[in-house]
Amino acid sequence: MTTYPAPRERHEPELSLADLRGDSARMAPHWVTPVSPAPAPVSPTLIHGVVVPAASARLIDATAEYGG
């Protein structure tokens, strides 16, 4: 019977936040998206049929940034 050695487990080096930010900055030019026109604003009178559960409305109302 032939025995094959198990492959060694490769460990990725730990990256710092600065390393990750540098990698992202170098990749950013590759991720350019075309500029699309901004969507036209929608009149509030055209927004209808939205149902919000009471618990969600109370949660948002109790949040300082939005309600209370």
N, C-alpha and C. Protein backbone atom coordinates (compact mmCIF):
# COMPACT_ATOMS: atom_id res chain seq x y z
N MET A 1 0.84 -1.18 0.00
CA MET A 1 0.00 0.00 0.00
C MET A 1 0.89 1.25 0.00
N THR A 2 0.58 2.19 -0.89
CA THR A 2 1.35 3.42 -0.99
C THR A 2 0.78 4.47 -0.05
N THR A 3 1.64 5.11 0.66
CA THR A 3 1.23 6.17 1.58
C THR A 3 1.64 7.51 0.99
N TYR A 4 0.68 8.41 0.92
CA TYR A 4 0.95 9.75 0.41
C TYR A 4 0.95 10.73 1.58
N PRO A 5 1.94 11.61 1.62
CA PRO A 5 1.95 12.58 2.73
C PRO A 5 0.80 13.59 2.57
N ALA A 6 0.26 13.99 3.68
CA ALA A 6 -0.81 14.99 3.66
C ALA A 6 -0.21 16.34 3.29
N PRO A 7 -0.91 17.13 2.48
CA PRO A 7 -0.38 18.45 2.13
C PRO A 7 -0.33 19.34 3.36
N ARG A 8 0.69 20.14 3.40
CA ARG A 8 0.81 21.05 4.53
C ARG A 8 -0.25 22.13 4.44
N GLU A 9 -0.73 22.50 5.58
CA GLU A 9 -1.74 23.56 5.63
C GLU A 9 -1.04 24.89 5.46
N ARG A 10 -1.54 25.69 4.51
CA ARG A 10 -0.95 27.01 4.29
C ARG A 10 -1.66 28.04 5.15
N HIS A 11 -0.89 28.82 5.84
CA HIS A 11 -1.44 29.89 6.67
C HIS A 11 -1.21 31.22 5.97
N GLU A 12 -2.27 31.97 5.85
CA GLU A 12 -2.16 33.30 5.25
C GLU A 12 -1.50 34.23 6.26
N PRO A 13 -0.63 35.11 5.80
CA PRO A 13 -0.01 36.06 6.74
C PRO A 13 -1.07 37.03 7.26
N GLU A 14 -0.90 37.44 8.48
CA GLU A 14 -1.82 38.43 9.07
C GLU A 14 -1.52 39.79 8.46
N LEU A 15 -2.57 40.45 7.98
CA LEU A 15 -2.41 41.76 7.38
C LEU A 15 -2.91 42.83 8.35
N SER A 16 -2.24 43.95 8.33
CA SER A 16 -2.69 45.06 9.16
C SER A 16 -3.74 45.86 8.38
N LEU A 17 -4.40 46.74 9.07
CA LEU A 17 -5.38 47.60 8.42
C LEU A 17 -4.70 48.45 7.35
N ALA A 18 -3.50 48.90 7.64
CA ALA A 18 -2.76 49.71 6.66
C ALA A 18 -2.46 48.89 5.40
N ASP A 19 -2.11 47.61 5.57
CA ASP A 19 -1.88 46.75 4.41
C ASP A 19 -3.15 46.59 3.58
N LEU A 20 -4.27 46.37 4.25
CA LEU A 20 -5.53 46.20 3.55
C LEU A 20 -5.95 47.48 2.82
N ARG A 21 -5.75 48.62 3.47
CA ARG A 21 -6.09 49.89 2.82
C ARG A 21 -5.20 50.13 1.60
N GLY A 22 -3.92 49.78 1.72
CA GLY A 22 -3.01 49.93 0.58
C GLY A 22 -3.42 49.04 -0.58
N ASP A 23 -3.78 47.78 -0.26
CA ASP A 23 -4.24 46.87 -1.31
C ASP A 23 -5.49 47.42 -1.99
N SER A 24 -6.40 47.94 -1.20
CA SER A 24 -7.64 48.49 -1.74
C SER A 24 -7.35 49.70 -2.64
N ALA A 25 -6.44 50.55 -2.20
CA ALA A 25 -6.11 51.74 -2.99
C ALA A 25 -5.49 51.34 -4.33
N ARG A 26 -4.68 50.29 -4.33
CA ARG A 26 -4.09 49.84 -5.59
C ARG A 26 -5.12 49.19 -6.50
N MET A 27 -6.15 48.56 -5.94
CA MET A 27 -7.18 47.90 -6.74
C MET A 27 -8.27 48.86 -7.22
N ALA A 28 -8.45 49.98 -6.54
CA ALA A 28 -9.55 50.90 -6.84
C ALA A 28 -9.61 51.30 -8.32
N PRO A 29 -8.51 51.60 -8.99
CA PRO A 29 -8.62 51.98 -10.41
C PRO A 29 -9.21 50.87 -11.28
N HIS A 30 -9.11 49.64 -10.87
CA HIS A 30 -9.66 48.53 -11.65
C HIS A 30 -11.17 48.42 -11.51
N TRP A 31 -11.74 49.10 -10.53
CA TRP A 31 -13.15 48.97 -10.23
C TRP A 31 -13.95 50.20 -10.64
N VAL A 32 -13.49 50.91 -11.63
CA VAL A 32 -14.18 52.11 -12.07
C VAL A 32 -15.52 51.74 -12.68
N THR A 33 -16.56 52.42 -12.26
CA THR A 33 -17.89 52.18 -12.81
C THR A 33 -18.31 53.39 -13.64
N PRO A 34 -19.06 53.16 -14.68
CA PRO A 34 -19.49 54.30 -15.49
C PRO A 34 -20.43 55.20 -14.70
N VAL A 35 -20.35 56.49 -14.99
CA VAL A 35 -21.20 57.45 -14.31
C VAL A 35 -22.58 57.39 -14.95
N SER A 36 -23.58 57.17 -14.12
CA SER A 36 -24.95 57.15 -14.64
C SER A 36 -25.67 58.39 -14.12
N PRO A 37 -26.64 58.87 -14.87
CA PRO A 37 -27.37 60.05 -14.42
C PRO A 37 -28.13 59.75 -13.12
N ALA A 38 -28.24 60.76 -12.30
CA ALA A 38 -28.96 60.60 -11.03
C ALA A 38 -30.44 60.38 -11.32
N PRO A 39 -31.07 59.50 -10.59
CA PRO A 39 -32.50 59.29 -10.81
C PRO A 39 -33.30 60.54 -10.46
N ALA A 40 -34.36 60.73 -11.16
CA ALA A 40 -35.22 61.89 -10.90
C ALA A 40 -35.92 61.69 -9.56
N PRO A 41 -36.09 62.77 -8.79
CA PRO A 41 -36.79 62.65 -7.52
C PRO A 41 -38.25 62.23 -7.73
N VAL A 42 -38.77 61.49 -6.78
CA VAL A 42 -40.15 61.02 -6.85
C VAL A 42 -41.00 61.84 -5.90
N SER A 43 -42.11 62.30 -6.39
CA SER A 43 -43.02 63.07 -5.56
C SER A 43 -43.61 62.17 -4.47
N PRO A 44 -43.69 62.65 -3.23
CA PRO A 44 -44.28 61.85 -2.16
C PRO A 44 -45.72 61.41 -2.46
N THR A 45 -46.43 62.14 -3.30
CA THR A 45 -47.81 61.75 -3.61
C THR A 45 -47.85 60.50 -4.48
N LEU A 46 -46.72 60.17 -5.14
CA LEU A 46 -46.67 58.97 -5.96
C LEU A 46 -46.29 57.72 -5.17
N ILE A 47 -45.84 57.92 -3.94
CA ILE A 47 -45.46 56.78 -3.12
C ILE A 47 -46.69 56.34 -2.34
N HIS A 48 -47.17 55.17 -2.64
CA HIS A 48 -48.34 54.64 -1.94
C HIS A 48 -48.24 53.13 -1.88
N GLY A 49 -48.99 52.55 -0.99
CA GLY A 49 -48.99 51.10 -0.86
C GLY A 49 -47.87 50.56 -0.01
N VAL A 50 -47.13 51.42 0.67
CA VAL A 50 -46.06 50.95 1.55
C VAL A 50 -46.65 50.68 2.92
N VAL A 51 -46.45 49.47 3.41
CA VAL A 51 -46.97 49.10 4.72
C VAL A 51 -45.80 48.85 5.65
N VAL A 52 -45.78 49.51 6.77
CA VAL A 52 -44.71 49.36 7.75
C VAL A 52 -45.32 48.76 9.01
N PRO A 53 -44.78 47.64 9.50
CA PRO A 53 -45.29 47.07 10.74
C PRO A 53 -45.17 48.06 11.90
N ALA A 54 -46.13 48.03 12.80
CA ALA A 54 -46.16 48.98 13.93
C ALA A 54 -44.88 48.90 14.76
N ALA A 55 -44.37 47.69 14.97
CA ALA A 55 -43.15 47.56 15.77
C ALA A 55 -41.97 48.26 15.10
N SER A 56 -41.88 48.17 13.77
CA SER A 56 -40.81 48.84 13.05
C SER A 56 -40.96 50.35 13.12
N ALA A 57 -42.19 50.83 13.00
CA ALA A 57 -42.45 52.27 13.08
C ALA A 57 -42.08 52.79 14.46
N ARG A 58 -42.42 52.04 15.51
CA ARG A 58 -42.06 52.47 16.87
C ARG A 58 -40.55 52.48 17.06
N LEU A 59 -39.86 51.48 16.48
CA LEU A 59 -38.41 51.42 16.60
C LEU A 59 -37.76 52.64 15.94
N ILE A 60 -38.18 52.98 14.74
CA ILE A 60 -37.64 54.14 14.05
C ILE A 60 -38.01 55.43 14.77
N ASP A 61 -39.24 55.50 15.26
CA ASP A 61 -39.68 56.69 15.97
C ASP A 61 -38.87 56.91 17.23
N ALA A 62 -38.42 55.83 17.86
CA ALA A 62 -37.65 55.93 19.10
C ALA A 62 -36.16 56.22 18.85
N THR A 63 -35.72 56.13 17.58
CA THR A 63 -34.33 56.39 17.25
C THR A 63 -34.13 57.90 17.13
N ALA A 64 -33.14 58.42 17.85
CA ALA A 64 -32.92 59.86 17.93
C ALA A 64 -32.70 60.49 16.55
N GLU A 65 -31.98 59.81 15.66
CA GLU A 65 -31.69 60.40 14.36
C GLU A 65 -32.92 60.57 13.49
N TYR A 66 -33.97 59.76 13.74
CA TYR A 66 -35.13 59.77 12.88
C TYR A 66 -36.40 60.32 13.53
N GLY A 67 -36.58 60.01 14.79
CA GLY A 67 -37.85 60.38 15.40
C GLY A 67 -37.68 61.11 16.70
N GLY A 68 -37.48 60.34 17.75
CA GLY A 68 -37.48 60.95 19.07
C GLY A 68 -36.19 60.95 19.70
